[in-house]
Amino acid sequence: MVLVRLLPGQPPTLQVLAEPASGAAMTVADCAAVSRQVSAALDVADPVAGGYLLEVSSPGVDRPLVKQADFERFRGREAKIETRDLVDGRRRFRGRLEGFEDGMVTMRLAGEGEQPGELVAIPFDLIATAKLALPSDLLQRRPLATTK
């Protein structure tokens, strides 16, 4: 499991983000298998009062980073991090992950309003949310190829 959270709504949604331990891509069959296993466990434990929807999916391209090991695993990838308190005068960071060491996530900043290339250290315990981001160059508009 990557992340489990209960989202508000009528009825609430129990969201499960999962991926194979091998790191392979999550398939529809994998989601169905996880859904059956989680549903059976929830029927026994009954941790959610009342009715709810169970949603099982892969983490997707904007995968949340929740464990310390995630910051090492995705070293070199672009990420967005938001902190609970100010770190170096700010709460939002975007850049390339450089890793995790001694309780700190290191990131090389990139983007508007930031010092491109600046290396920052963000205390893991101050991170409110973190997720992978699509690289900036993929977000730029490119003309569609035309055929004649």
Protein backbone atom coordinates (compact mmCIF):
# COMPACT_ATOMS: atom_id res chain seq x y z
CA MET A 1 0.00 0.00 0.00
CA VAL A 2 1.19 3.48 -0.81
CA LEU A 3 -1.51 5.46 0.96
CA VAL A 4 -4.90 4.89 2.58
CA ARG A 5 -7.20 7.80 3.40
CA LEU A 6 -10.84 8.42 4.19
CA LEU A 7 -12.23 11.23 2.03
CA PRO A 8 -15.34 13.16 3.13
CA GLY A 9 -18.55 12.89 1.20
CA GLN A 10 -21.95 11.22 1.21
CA PRO A 11 -21.03 8.44 1.51
CA PRO A 12 -17.35 8.88 2.41
CA THR A 13 -14.74 7.26 0.15
CA LEU A 14 -12.03 4.99 1.51
CA GLN A 15 -9.23 5.55 -1.00
CA VAL A 16 -6.46 2.97 -1.30
CA LEU A 17 -3.45 3.76 -3.50
CA ALA A 18 -1.48 0.58 -4.12
CA GLU A 19 1.33 -0.76 -6.24
CA PRO A 20 3.00 -4.16 -6.59
CA ALA A 21 5.94 -4.68 -4.22
CA SER A 22 8.07 -5.36 -7.30
CA GLY A 23 7.60 -1.75 -8.42
CA ALA A 24 5.91 -2.92 -11.64
CA ALA A 25 3.00 -0.98 -13.09
CA MET A 26 -0.36 -1.52 -11.40
CA THR A 27 -2.88 -3.23 -13.69
CA VAL A 28 -6.68 -3.26 -13.57
CA ALA A 29 -6.45 -6.92 -12.47
CA ASP A 30 -4.10 -5.87 -9.63
CA CYS A 31 -6.60 -3.19 -8.51
CA ALA A 32 -9.43 -5.75 -8.55
CA ALA A 33 -7.36 -8.22 -6.49
CA VAL A 34 -6.44 -5.55 -3.92
CA SER A 35 -10.07 -4.42 -3.78
CA ARG A 36 -11.27 -7.97 -2.99
CA GLN A 37 -8.59 -8.44 -0.29
CA VAL A 38 -9.18 -5.05 1.34
CA SER A 39 -12.96 -5.47 1.18
CA ALA A 40 -12.76 -8.85 2.92
CA ALA A 41 -10.52 -7.43 5.66
CA LEU A 42 -12.83 -4.42 6.12
CA ASP A 43 -15.89 -6.68 6.42
CA VAL A 44 -14.21 -8.40 9.39
CA ALA A 45 -12.66 -5.35 11.09
CA ASP A 46 -15.46 -2.87 10.22
CA PRO A 47 -13.30 0.24 10.95
CA VAL A 48 -15.54 2.75 9.13
CA ALA A 49 -18.89 3.58 10.73
CA GLY A 50 -21.78 3.46 8.29
CA GLY A 51 -21.57 3.08 4.54
CA TYR A 52 -18.63 4.08 2.39
CA LEU A 53 -17.23 3.63 -1.10
CA LEU A 54 -14.00 1.66 -1.56
CA GLU A 55 -11.74 3.07 -4.26
CA VAL A 56 -8.56 1.20 -5.21
CA SER A 57 -6.15 2.65 -7.76
CA SER A 58 -2.51 3.08 -8.64
CA PRO A 59 -0.67 6.13 -7.29
CA GLY A 60 -0.57 7.66 -10.79
CA VAL A 61 1.85 10.14 -12.30
CA ASP A 62 1.54 12.55 -9.39
CA ARG A 63 2.33 9.78 -6.91
CA PRO A 64 2.30 10.84 -3.25
CA LEU A 65 5.62 10.52 -1.44
CA VAL A 66 4.84 9.36 2.10
CA LYS A 67 7.76 7.31 3.40
CA GLN A 68 11.35 8.35 3.86
CA ALA A 69 12.36 5.63 1.40
CA ASP A 70 10.19 7.26 -1.31
CA PHE A 71 12.54 10.25 -1.41
CA GLU A 72 15.49 7.95 -2.11
CA ARG A 73 13.58 5.70 -4.52
CA PHE A 74 12.56 8.65 -6.67
CA ARG A 75 15.90 10.49 -6.53
CA GLY A 76 16.36 12.50 -9.72
CA ARG A 77 12.62 12.92 -10.32
CA GLU A 78 10.76 16.22 -10.11
CA ALA A 79 8.54 16.68 -7.05
CA LYS A 80 6.36 19.19 -5.23
CA ILE A 81 6.60 19.50 -1.46
CA GLU A 82 4.48 21.58 0.90
CA THR A 83 5.51 22.01 4.55
CA ARG A 84 3.46 22.71 7.69
CA ASP A 85 5.86 25.47 8.79
CA LEU A 86 8.18 27.82 6.93
CA VAL A 87 11.49 26.38 5.76
CA ASP A 88 13.94 28.99 4.46
CA GLY A 89 11.04 31.49 4.43
CA ARG A 90 8.63 29.41 2.36
CA ARG A 91 6.22 26.46 2.46
CA ARG A 92 6.09 25.32 -1.20
CA PHE A 93 8.98 23.76 -3.07
CA ARG A 94 9.34 22.29 -6.55
CA GLY A 95 12.45 20.71 -7.95
CA ARG A 96 14.51 17.57 -8.45
CA LEU A 97 14.78 15.16 -5.52
CA GLU A 98 18.36 14.64 -4.44
CA GLY A 99 17.61 12.10 -1.70
CA PHE A 100 17.07 11.63 2.01
CA GLU A 101 19.63 11.68 4.80
CA ASP A 102 19.59 12.38 8.55
CA GLY A 103 15.87 13.23 8.60
CA MET A 104 16.16 15.72 5.74
CA VAL A 105 14.82 15.60 2.19
CA THR A 106 17.18 17.35 -0.19
CA MET A 107 15.88 18.98 -3.35
CA ARG A 108 17.45 21.03 -6.14
CA LEU A 109 15.01 23.86 -6.87
CA ALA A 110 13.68 24.67 -10.30
CA GLY A 111 10.90 26.92 -11.52
CA GLU A 112 9.48 30.41 -11.44
CA GLY A 113 10.33 32.62 -8.48
CA GLU A 114 12.95 30.20 -7.19
CA GLN A 115 16.70 30.15 -7.41
CA PRO A 116 17.13 27.44 -10.06
CA GLY A 117 19.76 24.98 -8.98
CA GLU A 118 19.66 25.99 -5.30
CA LEU A 119 19.91 22.96 -3.01
CA VAL A 120 17.48 22.98 -0.07
CA ALA A 121 17.14 20.63 2.89
CA ILE A 122 13.60 20.09 4.14
CA PRO A 123 12.99 18.37 7.49
CA PHE A 124 10.91 15.23 6.82
CA ASP A 125 8.77 15.80 9.90
CA LEU A 126 7.67 19.22 8.59
CA ILE A 127 6.32 17.86 5.28
CA ALA A 128 2.54 18.19 5.00
CA THR A 129 2.30 16.82 1.44
CA ALA A 130 4.76 15.64 -1.15
CA LYS A 131 4.19 14.15 -4.58
CA LEU A 132 5.93 13.52 -7.85
CA ALA A 133 5.34 16.17 -10.49
CA LEU A 134 5.34 16.04 -14.25
CA PRO A 135 8.62 17.54 -15.48
CA SER A 136 8.17 21.17 -16.56
CA ASP A 137 9.29 20.45 -20.12
CA LEU A 138 6.45 17.93 -20.55
CA LEU A 139 3.91 20.54 -19.48
CA GLN A 140 4.93 23.03 -22.17
CA ARG A 141 2.59 23.19 -25.13
CA ARG A 142 3.93 21.59 -28.25
CA PRO A 143 2.31 21.90 -31.67
CA LEU A 144 0.49 18.80 -32.83
CA ALA A 145 2.05 16.96 -35.73
CA THR A 146 0.06 17.29 -38.91
CA THR A 147 -0.13 14.96 -41.85
CA LYS A 148 -0.92 15.84 -45.45
